[in-house]
Protein backbone atom coordinates (compact mmCIF):
# COMPACT_ATOMS: atom_id res chain seq x y z
CA UNK A 1 100.04 128.40 33.63
CA UNK A 2 97.53 128.10 36.44
CA UNK A 3 97.95 130.76 39.08
CA UNK A 4 95.66 131.91 41.83
CA UNK A 5 95.18 135.67 41.78
CA UNK A 6 94.16 137.31 45.03
CA UNK A 7 92.71 140.81 45.06
CA UNK A 8 90.80 143.03 47.41
CA UNK A 9 87.02 142.98 47.53
CA UNK A 10 86.88 146.60 46.33
CA UNK A 11 87.59 145.30 42.84
CA UNK A 12 84.19 143.57 42.90
CA UNK A 13 82.54 147.00 43.14
CA UNK A 14 84.02 148.16 39.82
CA UNK A 15 81.63 147.67 36.92
CA UNK A 16 83.40 145.75 34.17
CA UNK A 17 80.24 144.95 32.22
CA UNK A 18 81.64 145.77 28.79
CA UNK A 19 84.72 143.58 29.15
CA UNK A 20 84.80 140.37 27.15
CA UNK A 21 86.29 137.24 28.72
CA UNK A 22 89.72 137.69 27.08
CA UNK A 23 89.82 141.33 28.18
CA UNK A 24 89.01 140.32 31.75
CA UNK A 25 91.73 137.65 31.63
CA UNK A 26 94.26 140.24 30.45
CA UNK A 27 93.13 142.76 33.08
CA UNK A 28 93.49 140.23 35.90
CA UNK A 29 96.89 139.12 34.54
CA UNK A 30 98.10 142.73 34.52
CA UNK A 31 96.89 143.56 38.02
CA UNK A 32 98.35 140.32 39.37
CA UNK A 33 101.78 141.39 38.01
CA UNK A 34 101.33 144.84 39.58
CA UNK A 35 100.39 143.51 43.01
CA UNK A 36 102.41 144.97 45.89
CA UNK A 37 104.34 147.32 43.57
CA UNK A 38 104.59 150.87 44.81
CA UNK A 39 106.29 152.34 41.77
CA UNK A 40 105.10 152.79 38.21
CA UNK A 41 104.96 149.53 36.28
CA UNK A 42 105.69 149.40 32.55
CA UNK A 43 104.90 146.49 30.25
CA UNK A 44 106.30 146.06 26.78
CA UNK A 45 103.92 145.35 23.94
CA UNK A 46 105.56 141.95 23.39
CA UNK A 47 105.04 141.05 27.04
CA UNK A 48 101.34 141.94 26.82
CA UNK A 49 101.05 140.02 23.58
CA UNK A 50 102.45 136.94 25.34
CA UNK A 51 99.91 137.33 28.14
CA UNK A 52 97.11 137.21 25.61
């Protein structure tokens, strides 16, 4: 699945130095699913496992 994820430039100011590539991929996948949501977002463990 090839998707383009757009985010605000403020995210570039957050230091994510200790993240490995898979962790960054998961982080970006999660925030892309949360985009434009104003309420609390809950992910099941199985859903996160599938993202990985």
